[in-house]
Each structure stands twice: as structure tokens, then as C-alpha cells.
Amino acid sequence: MEQNKQFLIDLATAKMPFGKYKNQYLIDLPEFYIVWFKNQGFPKGKLGNQLALIYELKLNGLEDLVKGIRNKN
């Protein structure tokens, strides 16, 4: 349970490490940018996993849950 909590906190506070949106929270990235990654292929590793989850959250209208976690931390 604690591991899942920390995973969500990490996701909520993760920032884009490169590009036009460098240092923006992943959850705040524009939807078109996340869709572009989905179509091109997400990067390997942790960032790719996080972006894929952000895509699913945005697709299902759940990004406010992650933003709420970020605001509490």
C-alpha cells in the first residue's frame, strides 16, 4: 500500500526532463503532446511508464486526482 502511495506521489510531482515543456509537471503537459508520444512511442524506462499512465489518466478524465495529490505534497 505504501509503495502505491509513493508511486502516485512520484507521478504527481514528476516533471518533463527535456524539450519545449522541460520542467513542467507531466500531468500538466498538453493533451496533444501526450497523444503525440503515444503515437510515436513512449520513451523507455520510468519516464515512458509515467507518460503512458498520464495518457490513460487524461483519456479517462482523471488528471485532477493526480493534481490533488501534488497540491497536498
Foldseek 3Di string as FASTA:
>chain_A
DVVVLVVLLCLLCDADCDDPRGRHRLLPDDLVVLVVCVVVDADDDDRSVSSVVSNVCVVVVNSVVSPVSNVVD
